[in-house]
Amino acid sequence: MSRPDAELEQIAAQLRELATARDRLQGLLDAVLAISRETDLPAVLHRIVTTAMDLAGARYGALGVLDESGDQLARFITAGLSESERADLAGIDFPRGRGVLGHLIHHPEPLRVDDIPSHPASTGFPPGHPRMRTLLGVAVSVRGTIYGDLYLSERRDGQPFDRDDEDIVVALAGAAGIAIENVRLFEQVRDSAEHFQRLLLPTLPDLHPFTAAAIYRPALAPGHLGGDWYDALWLPDDACAVVIGDVVGHDMRAAAAMAQTRSMLRALLFDRFTPPSSVLAQLDRTLHAITDLPVTASCLARIEPAKEGWRLHWSTAGHLPPLLIGPDRQVEYLHAEPGLPLGVDLDQERPDHIHPMPAGATVLFFTDGLVEHPDRPIDHGLARLAELAAGHVDLPLDDFVRFLADHHPSDGHDDMALLALRTPRD
C-alpha cells in the first residue's frame, strides 16, 4: 500500500471512530431524555438497566439497590435473561452483594473484569445461573451517596468491555442518579398532594340500608392537586343524597374551591328538602353571590323511597351521567339533559330526572378523569368502564371501586373520584 493510500485509510479509520463516538453520544443523550420522562421509580430503574445494555452492547444487565446500611443489596433489577434462564433461577434468592458484586459495593470505582471466575473476590454462581465471563460495574450515586451499582455482562460481540464502554456507562450513571432523585422528589410531592386532597374529602357515613364506597386517585403529574370530590349523607326526610363533582383546575385554588363548594352544598341539602335541580340552582346563586370560584361540573342525586323499592332522583350540572348496573349485570348510562356547569348561567333552568332503582342495583358516580383519554373519544372510555363494571359488580363495594380505579380506561393524567351505592336485595 502506498503512503497516500495508508494515510487515507488512517483518516477513514479516524472518521469511523468519530462517527461511532457521535452515535454513542447521541444514544446517551436520547437515553437520558427517555429516563427523565419516567415518573415511576421501578420504571426508571428498569430503564436505566436496559439503556446501559444498549449503550455498551451487553447481553445481560442488572441494577442492585443498596439497603439503608449500604452494605448489601435490598433490590436487584435484571434485564436480558431469557424465559428459560429465568425459569432455571426460579427459587434462587437474588444476590445480596457478595463476591464480585460485593467488591463493587465496598470499592465503588468503575470495575472491568475480563474473567469473572478468576477475580479474587469471585465466589462462583448459584445453580442455574447463566454462564458469564465479563463484567462492567459502575456505582450510581444520588446526592453524593451511593444508591446502588449498575452491572453489565457479556458484550454481544464476544469482546471484553473496554474503556469506551466504561466511560459511557459512567456518564449514564451520573444522569441516572439525577433521574432517581427527581422521581423520588416527584413521588414525595405526589404523596403530599394526595394526602392533602384526602383531608378535604369526607369519610362516608353509615347509609344503611344502602352500602356505599368511594375512592379518590390523584393525577400522575407532580403537585397536580385536583378539584374532584364526592360526598354522601342521609337526609332528615328519609332520602340518601349523593354528589360527585369536578372543579376546573389542578392547583391549590381548585382544591380550596372544591372544599368550599362541598361544604355549601351539604348545608343546602340539610336546609332544603327540594328536588336536586333546585338545590343545584341555589348553590349556583350562592357561589355567584359570595365567592369567585371556578366553573364546576357536578351531579347531585337523591335515592328516595318509592312504591316498589327505591328511585334515583338526580340533576346534573354539566357532568357525566351515572352508570346503573342492575342485579342481572345489565348496564345503563342514565343519559339525560346534562344542564350547564355551575358558574356559567344563573338563569338557565335545571332539569330533574327520575329512574327506578331495583333491589340489588348499583349506581356509579364518577368524574371524567376515570374515562378521558386524549387519543380516544370519550365514548370509548365510557364503554370500557361499563364493561369493567358489569364484569366485576359482584365484588364487595370497596373492592369494586378500587378495581375500577386500578383499571381505569383513561390516561391517568387527571385526578378521579368514584362513588358507588348499592340498594339492598329483597
Protein backbone atom coordinates (compact mmCIF):
# COMPACT_ATOMS: atom_id res chain seq x y z
CA MET A 1 0.00 0.00 0.00
CA SER A 2 1.42 3.40 -0.98
CA ARG A 3 1.90 6.11 1.61
CA PRO A 4 -1.04 8.24 0.36
CA ASP A 5 -3.29 5.16 0.48
CA ALA A 6 -2.14 4.37 4.01
CA GLU A 7 -2.81 7.93 5.12
CA LEU A 8 -6.26 7.83 3.53
CA GLU A 9 -7.00 4.55 5.30
CA GLN A 10 -5.90 6.06 8.62
CA ILE A 11 -8.11 9.09 8.05
CA ALA A 12 -11.03 6.81 7.16
CA ALA A 13 -10.49 4.82 10.37
CA GLN A 14 -10.43 8.01 12.43
CA LEU A 15 -13.64 9.17 10.77
CA ARG A 16 -15.30 5.84 11.59
CA GLU A 17 -14.22 6.19 15.22
CA LEU A 18 -15.63 9.73 15.31
CA ALA A 19 -18.90 8.53 13.79
CA THR A 20 -19.14 5.74 16.34
CA ALA A 21 -18.40 8.15 19.17
CA ARG A 22 -21.02 10.58 17.82
CA ASP A 23 -23.62 7.81 17.58
CA ARG A 24 -22.85 6.71 21.13
CA LEU A 25 -23.10 10.24 22.42
CA GLN A 26 -26.41 10.73 20.64
CA GLY A 27 -27.59 7.44 22.10
CA LEU A 28 -26.60 8.62 25.56
CA LEU A 29 -28.46 11.91 25.12
CA ASP A 30 -31.56 10.11 23.85
CA ALA A 31 -31.35 7.70 26.77
CA VAL A 32 -31.08 10.48 29.35
CA LEU A 33 -34.18 12.15 27.90
CA ALA A 34 -36.10 8.86 27.92
CA ILE A 35 -35.15 8.13 31.53
CA SER A 36 -36.07 11.64 32.66
CA ARG A 37 -39.60 11.23 31.27
CA GLU A 38 -40.38 8.31 33.57
CA THR A 39 -42.40 9.17 36.67
CA ASP A 40 -42.42 5.78 38.38
CA LEU A 41 -39.33 4.58 40.27
CA PRO A 42 -39.45 0.90 39.19
CA ALA A 43 -39.80 2.04 35.57
CA VAL A 44 -36.84 4.40 35.96
CA LEU A 45 -34.63 1.68 37.43
CA HIS A 46 -35.51 -0.82 34.71
CA ARG A 47 -34.97 1.80 32.01
CA ILE A 48 -31.51 2.57 33.41
CA VAL A 49 -30.54 -1.10 33.11
CA THR A 50 -31.81 -1.60 29.56
CA THR A 51 -30.28 1.69 28.42
CA ALA A 52 -26.87 0.74 29.78
CA MET A 53 -27.14 -2.61 27.97
CA ASP A 54 -27.93 -0.86 24.69
CA LEU A 55 -25.09 1.66 25.02
CA ALA A 56 -22.47 -0.98 25.82
CA GLY A 57 -23.88 -3.74 23.62
CA ALA A 58 -24.29 -6.04 26.63
CA ARG A 59 -26.43 -9.15 26.72
CA TYR A 60 -27.16 -9.01 30.45
CA GLY A 61 -27.71 -6.11 32.82
CA ALA A 62 -28.74 -5.50 36.42
CA LEU A 63 -29.08 -2.74 38.97
CA GLY A 64 -28.51 -3.57 42.60
CA VAL A 65 -30.08 -1.10 45.05
CA LEU A 66 -28.36 -0.87 48.42
CA ASP A 67 -30.22 -1.19 51.71
CA GLU A 68 -30.13 1.53 54.36
CA SER A 69 -26.86 0.23 55.79
CA GLY A 70 -25.17 0.47 52.41
CA ASP A 71 -23.51 -2.91 52.97
CA GLN A 72 -25.75 -5.20 50.93
CA LEU A 73 -28.36 -5.18 48.20
CA ALA A 74 -32.03 -4.71 49.03
CA ARG A 75 -33.31 -4.95 45.44
CA PHE A 76 -31.93 -6.43 42.23
CA ILE A 77 -33.43 -5.36 38.91
CA THR A 78 -32.38 -7.56 35.99
CA ALA A 79 -32.75 -7.47 32.22
CA GLY A 80 -31.64 -9.68 29.35
CA LEU A 81 -32.49 -13.06 30.87
CA SER A 82 -34.49 -15.35 28.60
CA GLU A 83 -37.61 -17.09 29.88
CA SER A 84 -35.72 -20.36 30.20
CA GLU A 85 -32.90 -18.66 32.09
CA ARG A 86 -35.38 -17.09 34.48
CA ALA A 87 -37.02 -20.49 34.94
CA ASP A 88 -33.63 -22.02 35.78
CA LEU A 89 -33.21 -19.40 38.52
CA ALA A 90 -36.68 -19.94 39.98
CA GLY A 91 -36.44 -20.33 43.74
CA ILE A 92 -32.97 -18.78 43.88
CA ASP A 93 -32.89 -15.62 46.00
CA PHE A 94 -31.46 -12.53 44.34
CA PRO A 95 -27.82 -11.72 45.18
CA ARG A 96 -27.26 -9.69 48.34
CA GLY A 97 -23.87 -8.32 47.34
CA ARG A 98 -21.21 -10.93 47.93
CA GLY A 99 -18.36 -11.92 45.63
CA VAL A 100 -17.51 -9.57 42.77
CA LEU A 101 -20.75 -7.67 43.29
CA GLY A 102 -19.77 -7.05 46.90
CA HIS A 103 -16.33 -5.84 45.78
CA LEU A 104 -18.00 -3.02 43.86
CA ILE A 105 -20.20 -2.15 46.86
CA HIS A 106 -17.17 -1.63 49.08
CA HIS A 107 -14.93 -0.20 46.33
CA PRO A 108 -17.28 1.99 44.25
CA GLU A 109 -14.81 2.81 41.49
CA PRO A 110 -15.68 1.56 37.97
CA LEU A 111 -14.81 -2.12 37.63
CA ARG A 112 -13.98 -4.06 34.46
CA VAL A 113 -13.44 -7.81 34.72
CA ASP A 114 -12.39 -9.92 31.73
CA ASP A 115 -12.82 -13.27 33.52
CA ILE A 116 -15.22 -13.30 36.47
CA PRO A 117 -14.22 -16.74 37.86
CA SER A 118 -10.57 -15.58 38.02
CA HIS A 119 -11.31 -12.45 40.03
CA PRO A 120 -10.01 -12.71 43.63
CA ALA A 121 -13.42 -11.78 45.06
CA SER A 122 -15.36 -14.29 42.94
CA THR A 123 -17.44 -16.82 44.88
CA GLY A 124 -18.99 -18.53 41.87
CA PHE A 125 -22.54 -18.52 40.54
CA PRO A 126 -25.60 -20.19 42.07
CA PRO A 127 -27.07 -23.30 40.39
CA GLY A 128 -28.92 -22.50 37.16
CA HIS A 129 -27.18 -19.16 36.67
CA PRO A 130 -26.22 -18.45 33.03
CA ARG A 131 -22.52 -18.58 32.25
CA MET A 132 -20.98 -15.10 32.46
CA ARG A 133 -17.36 -14.25 31.89
CA THR A 134 -17.04 -10.49 31.58
CA LEU A 135 -18.34 -7.73 33.82
CA LEU A 136 -18.57 -3.96 33.83
CA GLY A 137 -19.70 -2.42 37.12
CA VAL A 138 -20.38 1.24 37.86
CA ALA A 139 -21.73 2.82 41.04
CA VAL A 140 -24.83 5.04 40.90
CA SER A 141 -24.86 7.96 43.35
CA VAL A 142 -27.81 10.09 44.43
CA ARG A 143 -26.97 13.39 46.11
CA GLY A 144 -23.45 12.21 46.89
CA THR A 145 -24.50 8.89 48.45
CA ILE A 146 -24.09 5.53 46.73
CA TYR A 147 -27.61 4.39 45.78
CA GLY A 148 -26.66 1.17 44.06
CA ASP A 149 -24.50 -0.44 41.41
CA LEU A 150 -25.06 -0.97 37.72
CA TYR A 151 -23.76 -4.27 36.36
CA LEU A 152 -23.31 -5.36 32.74
CA SER A 153 -22.10 -8.72 31.49
CA GLU A 154 -21.18 -10.32 28.15
CA ARG A 155 -20.75 -7.96 25.23
CA ARG A 156 -22.70 -9.30 22.29
CA ASP A 157 -19.60 -9.23 20.06
CA GLY A 158 -17.78 -11.51 22.48
CA GLN A 159 -15.15 -8.91 23.40
CA PRO A 160 -14.36 -7.70 26.92
CA PHE A 161 -15.71 -4.32 27.96
CA ASP A 162 -13.28 -1.53 27.12
CA ARG A 163 -12.59 1.99 28.33
CA ASP A 164 -15.14 3.48 25.94
CA ASP A 165 -17.84 1.24 27.42
CA GLU A 166 -16.79 2.29 30.89
CA ASP A 167 -16.84 6.00 30.06
CA ILE A 168 -20.30 5.98 28.54
CA VAL A 169 -21.80 3.87 31.34
CA VAL A 170 -20.20 6.17 33.94
CA ALA A 171 -21.83 9.11 32.14
CA LEU A 172 -25.16 7.28 32.13
CA ALA A 173 -24.81 6.51 35.85
CA GLY A 174 -24.43 10.23 36.56
CA ALA A 175 -27.63 11.00 34.67
CA ALA A 176 -29.32 8.01 36.33
CA GLY A 177 -28.60 9.41 39.79
CA ILE A 178 -30.30 12.68 38.85
CA ALA A 179 -33.29 10.81 37.36
CA ILE A 180 -33.68 8.68 40.50
CA GLU A 181 -33.58 11.77 42.73
CA ASN A 182 -36.12 13.56 40.52
CA VAL A 183 -38.58 10.67 40.58
CA ARG A 184 -38.22 10.31 44.36
CA LEU A 185 -38.97 14.02 44.78
CA PHE A 186 -41.87 13.62 42.36
CA GLU A 187 -43.29 10.79 44.47
CA GLN A 188 -42.93 12.86 47.65
CA VAL A 189 -44.81 15.78 46.09
CA ARG A 190 -47.45 13.45 44.69
CA ASP A 191 -47.92 11.74 48.06
CA SER A 192 -48.20 15.11 49.83
CA ALA A 193 -50.74 16.35 47.31
CA GLU A 194 -52.75 13.16 47.65
CA HIS A 195 -52.69 13.38 51.45
CA PHE A 196 -53.85 17.00 51.36
CA GLN A 197 -56.63 16.14 48.92
CA ARG A 198 -57.81 13.26 51.07
CA LEU A 199 -58.02 15.54 54.11
CA LEU A 200 -60.56 17.62 52.18
CA LEU A 201 -62.73 14.62 51.30
CA PRO A 202 -65.28 13.09 53.68
CA THR A 203 -65.41 9.68 55.24
CA LEU A 204 -68.65 8.14 54.08
CA PRO A 205 -71.16 7.72 56.92
CA ASP A 206 -73.32 4.68 57.58
CA LEU A 207 -76.01 4.85 54.87
CA HIS A 208 -78.00 1.78 55.96
CA PRO A 209 -79.92 0.14 54.34
CA PHE A 210 -77.63 1.06 51.43
CA THR A 211 -73.98 0.19 51.15
CA ALA A 212 -71.61 2.74 49.66
CA ALA A 213 -67.93 3.04 48.82
CA ALA A 214 -65.82 5.81 47.34
CA ILE A 215 -62.26 6.32 46.20
CA TYR A 216 -60.12 9.22 45.08
CA ARG A 217 -56.98 8.97 42.94
CA PRO A 218 -54.72 11.95 42.24
CA ALA A 219 -53.37 12.83 38.83
CA LEU A 220 -49.97 11.47 37.80
CA ALA A 221 -48.39 14.90 37.40
CA PRO A 222 -46.45 16.15 40.45
CA GLY A 223 -48.31 18.66 42.61
CA HIS A 224 -51.41 18.17 40.46
CA LEU A 225 -53.97 18.96 43.14
CA GLY A 226 -57.41 18.36 41.80
CA GLY A 227 -60.91 19.64 42.24
CA ASP A 228 -62.66 16.26 42.09
CA TRP A 229 -64.78 15.30 45.08
CA TYR A 230 -67.56 13.05 46.27
CA ASP A 231 -69.99 13.10 49.17
CA ALA A 232 -72.92 11.13 50.52
CA LEU A 233 -75.19 11.69 53.51
CA TRP A 234 -78.52 10.59 54.94
CA LEU A 235 -81.10 13.40 54.95
CA PRO A 236 -83.79 14.05 57.54
CA ASP A 237 -86.59 13.35 55.01
CA ASP A 238 -85.50 9.69 54.66
CA ALA A 239 -83.60 10.18 51.41
CA CYS A 240 -79.94 9.49 50.77
CA ALA A 241 -78.04 12.28 48.97
CA VAL A 242 -75.08 11.51 46.74
CA VAL A 243 -72.90 14.03 44.93
CA ILE A 244 -69.93 13.86 42.59
CA GLY A 245 -68.18 16.97 41.33
CA ASP A 246 -65.20 18.39 39.47
CA VAL A 247 -63.91 21.95 39.88
CA VAL A 248 -62.00 23.22 36.86
CA GLY A 249 -58.25 23.45 37.54
CA HIS A 250 -55.38 21.46 39.01
CA ASP A 251 -53.91 23.61 41.73
CA MET A 252 -54.40 24.77 45.29
CA ARG A 253 -57.20 27.11 44.23
CA ALA A 254 -59.15 24.23 42.68
CA ALA A 255 -58.75 22.15 45.83
CA ALA A 256 -59.88 25.05 48.03
CA ALA A 257 -62.84 25.75 45.74
CA MET A 258 -63.82 22.11 45.94
CA ALA A 259 -63.84 22.23 49.74
CA GLN A 260 -65.96 25.40 49.81
CA THR A 261 -68.42 24.07 47.26
CA ARG A 262 -68.83 20.76 49.09
CA SER A 263 -69.47 22.50 52.42
CA MET A 264 -72.06 24.85 50.93
CA LEU A 265 -73.84 22.00 49.20
CA ARG A 266 -74.02 20.00 52.42
CA ALA A 267 -75.64 22.93 54.22
CA LEU A 268 -78.19 23.41 51.45
CA LEU A 269 -79.08 19.72 51.40
CA PHE A 270 -79.88 19.75 55.12
CA ASP A 271 -81.79 23.01 54.88
CA ARG A 272 -83.89 22.41 51.77
CA PHE A 273 -85.81 19.21 51.09
CA THR A 274 -86.28 20.19 47.47
CA PRO A 275 -85.51 18.44 44.16
CA PRO A 276 -81.82 18.20 43.21
CA SER A 277 -82.29 20.75 40.44
CA SER A 278 -83.48 23.33 42.98
CA VAL A 279 -80.56 22.64 45.30
CA LEU A 280 -78.04 22.99 42.44
CA ALA A 281 -79.68 26.23 41.30
CA GLN A 282 -79.46 27.66 44.82
CA LEU A 283 -75.85 26.51 45.11
CA ASP A 284 -75.07 28.26 41.83
CA ARG A 285 -76.65 31.51 43.04
CA THR A 286 -74.84 31.28 46.38
CA LEU A 287 -71.46 30.65 44.79
CA HIS A 288 -72.01 33.55 42.41
CA ALA A 289 -73.04 35.95 45.17
CA ILE A 290 -70.38 35.34 47.80
CA THR A 291 -67.40 33.71 46.06
CA ASP A 292 -65.31 33.86 42.93
CA LEU A 293 -64.90 30.14 42.38
CA PRO A 294 -64.05 28.35 39.11
CA VAL A 295 -66.57 26.64 36.87
CA THR A 296 -67.72 23.37 38.42
CA ALA A 297 -69.37 20.26 36.99
CA SER A 298 -71.50 18.22 39.36
CA CYS A 299 -74.17 15.58 39.65
CA LEU A 300 -76.49 15.63 42.65
CA ALA A 301 -78.79 12.70 43.34
CA ARG A 302 -81.33 11.61 45.93
CA ILE A 303 -82.13 7.93 46.42
CA GLU A 304 -85.72 8.15 47.62
CA PRO A 305 -88.31 5.64 48.82
CA ALA A 306 -90.74 4.58 46.09
CA LYS A 307 -93.82 2.36 45.94
CA GLU A 308 -91.63 -0.51 44.85
CA GLY A 309 -88.24 -0.12 46.43
CA TRP A 310 -86.27 2.99 45.57
CA ARG A 311 -85.87 5.57 42.87
CA LEU A 312 -82.94 7.68 41.73
CA HIS A 313 -83.82 11.38 41.51
CA TRP A 314 -80.99 13.47 40.10
CA SER A 315 -79.90 16.61 38.31
CA THR A 316 -76.58 17.29 36.61
CA ALA A 317 -74.58 20.45 36.07
CA GLY A 318 -72.50 19.64 33.02
CA HIS A 319 -71.42 16.29 34.43
CA LEU A 320 -71.18 12.77 33.03
CA PRO A 321 -74.24 10.57 33.58
CA PRO A 322 -74.43 7.98 36.38
CA LEU A 323 -73.93 4.34 35.43
CA LEU A 324 -76.60 1.93 36.67
CA ILE A 325 -75.71 -1.76 36.98
CA GLY A 326 -78.74 -3.94 37.58
CA PRO A 327 -78.80 -7.11 39.70
CA ASP A 328 -78.62 -9.08 36.42
CA ARG A 329 -75.41 -7.18 35.46
CA GLN A 330 -77.22 -5.17 32.79
CA VAL A 331 -75.55 -1.76 32.48
CA GLU A 332 -77.16 1.53 31.50
CA TYR A 333 -75.84 5.05 31.41
CA LEU A 334 -78.61 7.34 32.64
CA HIS A 335 -78.28 9.82 29.80
CA ALA A 336 -80.46 12.89 30.24
CA GLU A 337 -80.32 16.65 29.79
CA PRO A 338 -76.96 17.43 31.45
CA GLY A 339 -77.58 21.10 32.26
CA LEU A 340 -74.86 23.72 32.42
CA PRO A 341 -71.94 23.60 34.84
CA LEU A 342 -72.11 25.79 37.92
CA GLY A 343 -70.78 29.27 37.36
CA VAL A 344 -71.93 29.64 33.73
CA ASP A 345 -75.52 30.98 33.57
CA LEU A 346 -77.71 31.57 36.62
CA ASP A 347 -80.86 31.96 34.53
CA GLN A 348 -80.62 28.59 32.81
CA GLU A 349 -83.30 26.18 34.04
CA ARG A 350 -82.00 22.96 35.58
CA PRO A 351 -83.97 19.77 34.83
CA ASP A 352 -84.64 16.83 37.17
CA HIS A 353 -84.63 13.17 36.18
CA ILE A 354 -86.06 10.05 37.83
CA HIS A 355 -85.22 6.38 37.29
CA PRO A 356 -86.24 3.30 39.33
CA MET A 357 -83.58 1.61 41.44
CA PRO A 358 -84.35 -2.13 41.69
CA ALA A 359 -83.26 -4.21 44.65
CA GLY A 360 -79.60 -5.20 44.42
CA ALA A 361 -78.79 -2.48 41.87
CA THR A 362 -75.56 -0.49 41.94
CA VAL A 363 -75.24 3.07 40.75
CA LEU A 364 -71.80 4.51 39.98
CA PHE A 365 -70.97 8.21 40.02
CA PHE A 366 -67.57 9.23 38.64
CA THR A 367 -65.56 12.15 37.31
CA ASP A 368 -64.15 12.41 33.79
CA GLY A 369 -60.62 11.60 34.95
CA LEU A 370 -61.74 7.96 35.05
CA VAL A 371 -62.63 7.72 31.35
CA GLU A 372 -60.97 10.51 29.36
CA HIS A 373 -58.01 9.72 27.13
CA PRO A 374 -56.53 12.26 24.65
CA ASP A 375 -56.06 9.61 21.95
CA ARG A 376 -59.56 8.15 22.08
CA PRO A 377 -63.13 9.50 22.08
CA ILE A 378 -64.78 9.62 25.48
CA ASP A 379 -67.40 7.12 24.28
CA HIS A 380 -64.61 4.54 24.16
CA GLY A 381 -63.76 5.19 27.81
CA LEU A 382 -67.42 5.06 28.83
CA ALA A 383 -67.96 1.77 27.01
CA ARG A 384 -64.86 0.25 28.61
CA LEU A 385 -65.96 1.42 32.07
CA ALA A 386 -69.40 -0.15 31.57
CA GLU A 387 -67.74 -3.42 30.52
CA LEU A 388 -65.47 -3.43 33.59
CA ALA A 389 -68.35 -2.55 35.91
CA ALA A 390 -70.61 -5.30 34.56
CA GLY A 391 -67.87 -7.88 34.89
CA HIS A 392 -66.93 -7.07 38.48
CA VAL A 393 -70.07 -5.67 40.12
CA ASP A 394 -70.36 -8.77 42.33
CA LEU A 395 -67.24 -7.73 44.23
CA PRO A 396 -67.67 -6.16 47.67
CA LEU A 397 -68.27 -2.48 47.04
CA ASP A 398 -64.91 -1.29 48.40
CA ASP A 399 -63.12 -3.78 46.14
CA PHE A 400 -65.37 -2.80 43.24
CA VAL A 401 -64.45 0.89 43.25
CA ARG A 402 -60.79 0.05 43.85
CA PHE A 403 -60.80 -2.30 40.85
CA LEU A 404 -62.31 0.36 38.60
CA ALA A 405 -59.76 2.93 39.78
CA ASP A 406 -56.91 0.48 39.19
CA HIS A 407 -58.08 -0.49 35.69
CA HIS A 408 -59.42 2.84 34.50
CA PRO A 409 -59.54 3.41 30.72
CA SER A 410 -58.19 6.97 30.97
CA ASP A 411 -54.57 8.11 30.54
CA GLY A 412 -54.29 8.85 34.27
CA HIS A 413 -53.28 12.50 33.79
CA ASP A 414 -56.34 13.86 35.58
CA ASP A 415 -57.48 13.13 39.09
CA MET A 416 -60.52 10.90 39.50
CA ALA A 417 -63.25 10.32 42.04
CA LEU A 418 -65.71 7.43 42.18
CA LEU A 419 -68.67 6.72 44.43
CA ALA A 420 -70.80 3.59 44.21
CA LEU A 421 -74.04 2.96 46.08
CA ARG A 422 -75.91 -0.33 46.20
CA THR A 423 -79.55 -0.89 47.16
CA PRO A 424 -80.39 -3.82 49.46
CA ARG A 425 -81.57 -7.07 47.95
CA ASP A 426 -85.11 -8.25 48.73
